[in-house]
Amino acid sequence: MTKIFKTDCQLEREKRDRAIYDEYNALTAIEGQSRTRVNEYLMKKYGIHSVGTIYQIRARVERAIKEEEVAI
Protein backbone atom coordinates (compact mmCIF):
# COMPACT_ATOMS: atom_id res chain seq x y z
CA MET A 1 0.00 0.00 0.00
CA THR A 2 1.29 3.45 -0.91
CA LYS A 3 1.99 5.93 1.88
CA ILE A 4 -0.06 9.13 1.51
CA PHE A 5 1.59 12.27 2.86
CA LYS A 6 -0.70 15.03 4.12
CA THR A 7 -0.07 18.52 5.38
CA ASP A 8 -0.88 19.51 8.94
CA CYS A 9 -3.82 21.52 7.58
CA GLN A 10 -5.25 18.46 5.80
CA LEU A 11 -4.90 16.33 8.92
CA GLU A 12 -6.54 19.00 11.09
CA ARG A 13 -9.44 19.38 8.63
CA GLU A 14 -9.99 15.62 8.50
CA LYS A 15 -10.05 15.52 12.30
CA ARG A 16 -12.56 18.40 12.45
CA ASP A 17 -14.71 16.87 9.71
CA ARG A 18 -14.84 13.51 11.50
CA ALA A 19 -15.82 15.27 14.74
CA ILE A 20 -18.66 17.08 12.93
CA TYR A 21 -19.80 13.83 11.28
CA ASP A 22 -19.77 11.89 14.56
CA GLU A 23 -21.50 14.64 16.53
CA TYR A 24 -24.17 15.12 13.84
CA ASN A 25 -24.95 11.39 13.84
CA ALA A 26 -25.04 11.21 17.64
CA LEU A 27 -27.35 14.21 17.95
CA THR A 28 -29.72 13.24 15.15
CA ALA A 29 -30.07 9.71 16.57
CA ILE A 30 -32.09 11.19 19.43
CA GLU A 31 -35.83 10.75 18.88
CA GLY A 32 -37.56 14.01 17.91
CA GLN A 33 -34.31 15.91 17.34
CA SER A 34 -34.47 18.73 14.80
CA ARG A 35 -31.86 18.27 12.07
CA THR A 36 -32.09 21.96 11.24
CA ARG A 37 -31.21 22.91 14.81
CA VAL A 38 -28.40 20.35 14.89
CA ASN A 39 -26.96 21.90 11.73
CA GLU A 40 -27.23 25.39 13.24
CA TYR A 41 -25.54 24.20 16.44
CA LEU A 42 -22.66 22.60 14.53
CA MET A 43 -22.26 25.65 12.30
CA LYS A 44 -21.95 27.89 15.34
CA LYS A 45 -19.66 25.51 17.24
CA TYR A 46 -17.21 25.04 14.35
CA GLY A 47 -17.46 28.51 12.78
CA ILE A 48 -19.09 27.32 9.57
CA HIS A 49 -21.21 29.86 7.71
CA SER A 50 -23.20 27.62 5.35
CA VAL A 51 -25.43 24.63 5.99
CA GLY A 52 -24.28 23.33 2.61
CA THR A 53 -20.78 23.03 4.05
CA ILE A 54 -22.11 20.72 6.77
CA TYR A 55 -23.66 18.51 4.09
CA GLN A 56 -20.43 18.51 2.09
CA ILE A 57 -18.39 17.57 5.16
CA ARG A 58 -20.75 14.73 6.03
CA ALA A 59 -20.65 13.41 2.45
CA ARG A 60 -16.84 13.64 2.35
CA VAL A 61 -16.46 11.70 5.61
CA GLU A 62 -19.03 9.13 4.46
CA ARG A 63 -17.01 8.53 1.27
CA ALA A 64 -13.77 8.23 3.27
CA ILE A 65 -15.35 5.67 5.59
CA LYS A 66 -16.57 3.60 2.64
CA GLU A 67 -13.12 3.76 1.04
CA GLU A 68 -11.52 2.55 4.28
CA GLU A 69 -13.97 -0.37 4.41
CA VAL A 70 -13.13 -1.36 0.85
CA ALA A 71 -9.39 -1.14 1.54
CA ILE A 72 -9.70 -3.55 4.46
PDB file of N, CA and C in Angstrom:
ATOM      1  N   MET A   1       0.842  -1.179   0.000  1.00  0.00           N
ATOM      2  CA  MET A   1       0.000   0.000   0.000  1.00  0.00           C
ATOM      3  C   MET A   1       0.890   1.246   0.000  1.00  0.00           C
ATOM      4  N   THR A   2       0.516   2.229  -0.770  1.00  0.00           N
ATOM      5  CA  THR A   2       1.290   3.451  -0.909  1.00  0.00           C
ATOM      6  C   THR A   2       1.030   4.386   0.263  1.00  0.00           C
ATOM      7  N   LYS A   3       2.080   4.963   0.791  1.00  0.00           N
ATOM      8  CA  LYS A   3       1.990   5.930   1.875  1.00  0.00           C
ATOM      9  C   LYS A   3       1.490   7.257   1.312  1.00  0.00           C
ATOM     10  N   ILE A   4       0.466   7.839   1.936  1.00  0.00           N
ATOM     11  CA  ILE A   4      -0.061   9.131   1.512  1.00  0.00           C
ATOM     12  C   ILE A   4       0.399  10.178   2.520  1.00  0.00           C
ATOM     13  N   PHE A   5       1.109  11.184   2.013  1.00  0.00           N
ATOM     14  CA  PHE A   5       1.594  12.267   2.856  1.00  0.00           C
ATOM     15  C   PHE A   5       0.595  13.410   2.830  1.00  0.00           C
ATOM     16  N   LYS A   6       0.269  13.935   4.010  1.00  0.00           N
ATOM     17  CA  LYS A   6      -0.699  15.027   4.119  1.00  0.00           C
ATOM     18  C   LYS A   6      -0.094  16.147   4.943  1.00  0.00           C
ATOM     19  N   THR A   7      -0.532  17.359   4.623  1.00  0.00           N
ATOM     20  CA  THR A   7      -0.075  18.521   5.383  1.00  0.00           C
ATOM     21  C   THR A   7      -0.778  18.549   6.737  1.00  0.00           C
ATOM     22  N   ASP A   8      -0.251  19.352   7.631  1.00  0.00           N
ATOM     23  CA  ASP A   8      -0.885  19.512   8.943  1.00  0.00           C
ATOM     24  C   ASP A   8      -2.306  20.048   8.795  1.00  0.00           C
ATOM     25  N   CYS A   9      -2.496  20.942   7.834  1.00  0.00           N
ATOM     26  CA  CYS A   9      -3.821  21.519   7.583  1.00  0.00           C
ATOM     27  C   CYS A   9      -4.808  20.434   7.146  1.00  0.00           C
ATOM     28  N   GLN A  10      -4.383  19.553   6.256  1.00  0.00           N
ATOM     29  CA  GLN A  10      -5.247  18.460   5.804  1.00  0.00           C
ATOM     30  C   GLN A  10      -5.621  17.539   6.957  1.00  0.00           C
ATOM     31  N   LEU A  11      -4.650  17.216   7.786  1.00  0.00           N
ATOM     32  CA  LEU A  11      -4.900  16.331   8.921  1.00  0.00           C
ATOM     33  C   LEU A  11      -5.860  16.974   9.917  1.00  0.00           C
ATOM     34  N   GLU A  12      -5.672  18.271  10.165  1.00  0.00           N
ATOM     35  CA  GLU A  12      -6.543  18.997  11.089  1.00  0.00           C
ATOM     36  C   GLU A  12      -7.968  19.061  10.550  1.00  0.00           C
ATOM     37  N   ARG A  13      -8.114  19.309   9.246  1.00  0.00           N
ATOM     38  CA  ARG A  13      -9.444  19.381   8.626  1.00  0.00           C
ATOM     39  C   ARG A  13     -10.138  18.024   8.691  1.00  0.00           C
ATOM     40  N   GLU A  14      -9.397  16.956   8.429  1.00  0.00           N
ATOM     41  CA  GLU A  14      -9.985  15.624   8.504  1.00  0.00           C
ATOM     42  C   GLU A  14     -10.453  15.310   9.923  1.00  0.00           C
ATOM     43  N   LYS A  15      -9.680  15.723  10.903  1.00  0.00           N
ATOM     44  CA  LYS A  15     -10.046  15.519  12.303  1.00  0.00           C
ATOM     45  C   LYS A  15     -11.322  16.302  12.645  1.00  0.00           C
ATOM     46  N   ARG A  16     -11.384  17.559  12.212  1.00  0.00           N
ATOM     47  CA  ARG A  16     -12.562  18.402  12.452  1.00  0.00           C
ATOM     48  C   ARG A  16     -13.780  17.821  11.741  1.00  0.00           C
ATOM     49  N   ASP A  17     -13.598  17.414  10.489  1.00  0.00           N
ATOM     50  CA  ASP A  17     -14.707  16.869   9.709  1.00  0.00           C
ATOM     51  C   ASP A  17     -15.263  15.605  10.356  1.00  0.00           C
ATOM     52  N   ARG A  18     -14.381  14.749  10.847  1.00  0.00           N
ATOM     53  CA  ARG A  18     -14.841  13.512  11.497  1.00  0.00           C
ATOM     54  C   ARG A  18     -15.598  13.831  12.786  1.00  0.00           C
ATOM     55  N   ALA A  19     -15.136  14.860  13.516  1.00  0.00           N
ATOM     56  CA  ALA A  19     -15.824  15.268  14.738  1.00  0.00           C
ATOM     57  C   ALA A  19     -17.230  15.779  14.414  1.00  0.00           C
ATOM     58  N   ILE A  20     -17.345  16.568  13.348  1.00  0.00           N
ATOM     59  CA  ILE A  20     -18.656  17.077  12.926  1.00  0.00           C
ATOM     60  C   ILE A  20     -19.560  15.912  12.530  1.00  0.00           C
ATOM     61  N   TYR A  21     -19.034  14.993  11.738  1.00  0.00           N
ATOM     62  CA  TYR A  21     -19.797  13.829  11.280  1.00  0.00           C
ATOM     63  C   TYR A  21     -20.297  13.006  12.473  1.00  0.00           C
ATOM     64  N   ASP A  22     -19.407  12.703  13.397  1.00  0.00           N
ATOM     65  CA  ASP A  22     -19.772  11.889  14.560  1.00  0.00           C
ATOM     66  C   ASP A  22     -20.797  12.600  15.443  1.00  0.00           C
ATOM     67  N   GLU A  23     -20.584  13.887  15.670  1.00  0.00           N
ATOM     68  CA  GLU A  23     -21.500  14.638  16.527  1.00  0.00           C
ATOM     69  C   GLU A  23     -22.873  14.772  15.870  1.00  0.00           C
ATOM     70  N   TYR A  24     -22.898  15.024  14.561  1.00  0.00           N
ATOM     71  CA  TYR A  24     -24.168  15.115  13.836  1.00  0.00           C
ATOM     72  C   TYR A  24     -24.948  13.808  13.990  1.00  0.00           C
ATOM     73  N   ASN A  25     -24.275  12.691  13.752  1.00  0.00           N
ATOM     74  CA  ASN A  25     -24.954  11.392  13.837  1.00  0.00           C
ATOM     75  C   ASN A  25     -25.442  11.099  15.248  1.00  0.00           C
ATOM     76  N   ALA A  26     -24.641  11.450  16.248  1.00  0.00           N
ATOM     77  CA  ALA A  26     -25.043  11.209  17.635  1.00  0.00           C
ATOM     78  C   ALA A  26     -26.261  12.053  18.008  1.00  0.00           C
ATOM     79  N   LEU A  27     -26.247  13.316  17.597  1.00  0.00           N
ATOM     80  CA  LEU A  27     -27.351  14.211  17.950  1.00  0.00           C
ATOM     81  C   LEU A  27     -28.632  13.880  17.194  1.00  0.00           C
ATOM     82  N   THR A  28     -28.519  13.534  15.927  1.00  0.00           N
ATOM     83  CA  THR A  28     -29.724  13.238  15.147  1.00  0.00           C
ATOM     84  C   THR A  28     -30.301  11.855  15.456  1.00  0.00           C
ATOM     85  N   ALA A  29     -29.558  11.034  16.168  1.00  0.00           N
ATOM     86  CA  ALA A  29     -30.065   9.715  16.567  1.00  0.00           C
ATOM     87  C   ALA A  29     -31.098   9.830  17.690  1.00  0.00           C
ATOM     88  N   ILE A  30     -31.154  10.974  18.336  1.00  0.00           N
ATOM     89  CA  ILE A  30     -32.093  11.193  19.434  1.00  0.00           C
ATOM     90  C   ILE A  30     -33.488  11.404  18.847  1.00  0.00           C
ATOM     91  N   GLU A  31     -34.447  10.679  19.355  1.00  0.00           N
ATOM     92  CA  GLU A  31     -35.829  10.752  18.883  1.00  0.00           C
ATOM     93  C   GLU A  31     -36.379  12.176  19.002  1.00  0.00           C
ATOM     94  N   GLY A  32     -36.948  12.684  17.917  1.00  0.00           N
ATOM     95  CA  GLY A  32     -37.559  14.006  17.910  1.00  0.00           C
ATOM     96  C   GLY A  32     -36.599  15.164  17.707  1.00  0.00           C
ATOM     97  N   GLN A  33     -35.330  14.863  17.516  1.00  0.00           N
ATOM     98  CA  GLN A  33     -34.311  15.910  17.345  1.00  0.00           C
ATOM     99  C   GLN A  33     -34.500  16.635  16.004  1.00  0.00           C
ATOM    100  N   SER A  34     -34.366  17.933  16.015  1.00  0.00           N
ATOM    101  CA  SER A  34     -34.474  18.734  14.797  1.00  0.00           C
ATOM    102  C   SER A  34     -33.126  18.772  14.080  1.00  0.00           C
ATOM    103  N   ARG A  35     -33.097  18.262  12.854  1.00  0.00           N
ATOM    104  CA  ARG A  35     -31.856  18.266  12.070  1.00  0.00           C
ATOM    105  C   ARG A  35     -31.433  19.702  11.739  1.00  0.00           C
ATOM    106  N   THR A  36     -32.403  20.558  11.530  1.00  0.00           N
ATOM    107  CA  THR A  36     -32.095  21.959  11.242  1.00  0.00           C
ATOM    108  C   THR A  36     -31.368  22.595  12.417  1.00  0.00           C
ATOM    109  N   ARG A  37     -31.853  22.351  13.617  1.00  0.00           N
ATOM    110  CA  ARG A  37     -31.210  22.909  14.815  1.00  0.00           C
ATOM    111  C   ARG A  37     -29.837  22.280  15.058  1.00  0.00           C
ATOM    112  N   VAL A  38     -29.701  21.003  14.757  1.00  0.00           N
ATOM    113  CA  VAL A  38     -28.399  20.350  14.891  1.00  0.00           C
ATOM    114  C   VAL A  38     -27.405  21.002  13.938  1.00  0.00           C
ATOM    115  N   ASN A  39     -27.821  21.233  12.690  1.00  0.00           N
ATOM    116  CA  ASN A  39     -26.955  21.905  11.725  1.00  0.00           C
ATOM    117  C   ASN A  39     -26.563  23.296  12.214  1.00  0.00           C
ATOM    118  N   GLU A  40     -27.525  24.055  12.729  1.00  0.00           N
ATOM    119  CA  GLU A  40     -27.233  25.393  13.242  1.00  0.00           C
ATOM    120  C   GLU A  40     -26.245  25.336  14.401  1.00  0.00           C
ATOM    121  N   TYR A  41     -26.434  24.372  15.302  1.00  0.00           N
ATOM    122  CA  TYR A  41     -25.543  24.202  16.441  1.00  0.00           C
ATOM    123  C   TYR A  41     -24.113  23.907  15.974  1.00  0.00           C
ATOM    124  N   LEU A  42     -23.982  22.968  15.036  1.00  0.00           N
ATOM    125  CA  LEU A  42     -22.657  22.601  14.532  1.00  0.00           C
ATOM    126  C   LEU A  42     -22.010  23.748  13.776  1.00  0.00           C
ATOM    127  N   MET A  43     -22.793  24.502  13.024  1.00  0.00           N
ATOM    128  CA  MET A  43     -22.258  25.653  12.296  1.00  0.00           C
ATOM    129  C   MET A  43     -21.677  26.668  13.287  1.00  0.00           C
ATOM    130  N   LYS A  44     -22.419  26.932  14.347  1.00  0.00           N
ATOM    131  CA  LYS A  44     -21.950  27.891  15.344  1.00  0.00           C
ATOM    132  C   LYS A  44     -20.721  27.363  16.082  1.00  0.00           C
ATOM    133  N   LYS A  45     -20.754  26.108  16.474  1.00  0.00           N
ATOM    134  CA  LYS A  45     -19.664  25.505  17.239  1.00  0.00           C
ATOM    135  C   LYS A  45     -18.353  25.495  16.453  1.00  0.00           C
ATOM    136  N   TYR A  46     -18.425  25.183  15.157  1.00  0.00           N
ATOM    137  CA  TYR A  46     -17.214  25.035  14.348  1.00  0.00           C
ATOM    138  C   TYR A  46     -16.933  26.230  13.437  1.00  0.00           C
ATOM    139  N   GLY A  47     -17.712  27.301  13.566  1.00  0.00           N
ATOM    140  CA  GLY A  47     -17.462  28.507  12.783  1.00  0.00           C
ATOM    141  C   GLY A  47     -17.723  28.331  11.293  1.00  0.00           C
ATOM    142  N   ILE A  48     -18.733  27.553  10.961  1.00  0.00           N
ATOM    143  CA  ILE A  48     -19.086  27.316   9.566  1.00  0.00           C
ATOM    144  C   ILE A  48     -20.264  28.231   9.228  1.00  0.00           C
ATOM    145  N   HIS A  49     -20.222  28.836   8.055  1.00  0.00           N
ATOM    146  CA  HIS A  49     -21.213  29.858   7.710  1.00  0.00           C
ATOM    147  C   HIS A  49     -22.283  29.384   6.735  1.00  0.00           C
ATOM    148  N   SER A  50     -22.230  28.122   6.320  1.00  0.00           N
ATOM    149  CA  SER A  50     -23.198  27.620   5.352  1.00  0.00           C
ATOM    150  C   SER A  50     -23.622  26.212   5.716  1.00  0.00           C
ATOM    151  N   VAL A  51     -24.931  25.978   5.705  1.00  0.00           N
ATOM    152  CA  VAL A  51     -25.426  24.634   5.992  1.00  0.00           C
ATOM    153  C   VAL A  51     -24.978  23.668   4.899  1.00  0.00           C
ATOM    154  N   GLY A  52     -24.774  24.165   3.696  1.00  0.00           N
ATOM    155  CA  GLY A  52     -24.279  23.328   2.612  1.00  0.00           C
ATOM    156  C   GLY A  52     -22.909  22.754   2.921  1.00  0.00           C
ATOM    157  N   THR A  53     -22.107  23.506   3.662  1.00  0.00           N
ATOM    158  CA  THR A  53     -20.781  23.027   4.049  1.00  0.00           C
ATOM    159  C   THR A  53     -20.904  21.827   4.984  1.00  0.00           C
ATOM    160  N   ILE A  54     -21.876  21.859   5.874  1.00  0.00           N
ATOM    161  CA  ILE A  54     -22.113  20.719   6.771  1.00  0.00           C
ATOM    162  C   ILE A  54     -22.442  19.482   5.941  1.00  0.00           C
ATOM    163  N   TYR A  55     -23.307  19.646   4.948  1.00  0.00           N
ATOM    164  CA  TYR A  55     -23.664  18.512   4.092  1.00  0.00           C
ATOM    165  C   TYR A  55     -22.452  18.000   3.328  1.00  0.00           C
ATOM    166  N   GLN A  56     -21.627  18.897   2.822  1.00  0.00           N
ATOM    167  CA  GLN A  56     -20.429  18.506   2.092  1.00  0.00           C
ATOM    168  C   GLN A  56     -19.456  17.744   2.994  1.00  0.00           C
ATOM    169  N   ILE A  57     -19.284  18.231   4.203  1.00  0.00           N
ATOM    170  CA  ILE A  57     -18.391  17.572   5.163  1.00  0.00           C
ATOM    171  C   ILE A  57     -18.893  16.167   5.457  1.00  0.00           C
ATOM    172  N   ARG A  58     -20.194  16.049   5.723  1.00  0.00           N
ATOM    173  CA  ARG A  58     -20.751  14.731   6.025  1.00  0.00           C
ATOM    174  C   ARG A  58     -20.587  13.775   4.851  1.00  0.00           C
ATOM    175  N   ALA A  59     -20.799  14.250   3.646  1.00  0.00           N
ATOM    176  CA  ALA A  59     -20.647  13.411   2.455  1.00  0.00           C
ATOM    177  C   ALA A  59     -19.191  12.994   2.263  1.00  0.00           C
ATOM    178  N   ARG A  60     -18.266  13.928   2.503  1.00  0.00           N
ATOM    179  CA  ARG A  60     -16.836  13.641   2.348  1.00  0.00           C
ATOM    180  C   ARG A  60     -16.390  12.567   3.347  1.00  0.00           C
ATOM    181  N   VAL A  61     -16.835  12.684   4.586  1.00  0.00           N
ATOM    182  CA  VAL A  61     -16.460  11.696   5.609  1.00  0.00           C
ATOM    183  C   VAL A  61     -17.101  10.348   5.288  1.00  0.00           C
ATOM    184  N   GLU A  62     -18.341  10.372   4.839  1.00  0.00           N
ATOM    185  CA  GLU A  62     -19.029   9.126   4.462  1.00  0.00           C
ATOM    186  C   GLU A  62     -18.259   8.399   3.361  1.00  0.00           C
ATOM    187  N   ARG A  63     -17.793   9.134   2.352  1.00  0.00           N
ATOM    188  CA  ARG A  63     -17.006   8.534   1.267  1.00  0.00           C
ATOM    189  C   ARG A  63     -15.694   7.953   1.811  1.00  0.00           C
ATOM    190  N   ALA A  64     -15.044   8.694   2.703  1.00  0.00           N
ATOM    191  CA  ALA A  64     -13.774   8.235   3.274  1.00  0.00           C
ATOM    192  C   ALA A  64     -13.973   6.952   4.080  1.00  0.00           C
ATOM    193  N   ILE A  65     -15.059   6.873   4.808  1.00  0.00           N
ATOM    194  CA  ILE A  65     -15.351   5.666   5.593  1.00  0.00           C
ATOM    195  C   ILE A  65     -15.569   4.476   4.666  1.00  0.00           C
ATOM    196  N   LYS A  66     -16.323   4.693   3.591  1.00  0.00           N
ATOM    197  CA  LYS A  66     -16.568   3.605   2.636  1.00  0.00           C
ATOM    198  C   LYS A  66     -15.277   3.160   1.964  1.00  0.00           C
ATOM    199  N   GLU A  67     -14.403   4.099   1.646  1.00  0.00           N
ATOM    200  CA  GLU A  67     -13.118   3.758   1.036  1.00  0.00           C
ATOM    201  C   GLU A  67     -12.250   2.948   1.996  1.00  0.00           C
ATOM    202  N   GLU A  68     -12.275   3.298   3.280  1.00  0.00           N
ATOM    203  CA  GLU A  68     -11.521   2.547   4.277  1.00  0.00           C
ATOM    204  C   GLU A  68     -12.038   1.116   4.383  1.00  0.00           C
ATOM    205  N   GLU A  69     -13.381   0.958   4.324  1.00  0.00           N
ATOM    206  CA  GLU A  69     -13.965  -0.371   4.412  1.00  0.00           C
ATOM    207  C   GLU A  69     -13.575  -1.231   3.221  1.00  0.00           C
ATOM    208  N   VAL A  70     -13.517  -0.632   2.048  1.00  0.00           N
ATOM    209  CA  VAL A  70     -13.134  -1.358   0.847  1.00  0.00           C
ATOM    210  C   VAL A  70     -11.672  -1.753   0.905  1.00  0.00           C
ATOM    211  N   ALA A  71     -10.830  -0.878   1.451  1.00  0.00           N
ATOM    212  CA  ALA A  71      -9.394  -1.141   1.536  1.00  0.00           C
ATOM    213  C   ALA A  71      -9.081  -2.287   2.494  1.00  0.00           C
ATOM    214  N   ILE A  72      -9.943  -2.511   3.440  1.00  0.00           N
ATOM    215  CA  ILE A  72      -9.697  -3.546   4.464  1.00  0.00           C
ATOM    216  C   ILE A  72     -10.065  -4.890   3.979  1.00  0.00           C
TER     217      ILE A  72
END
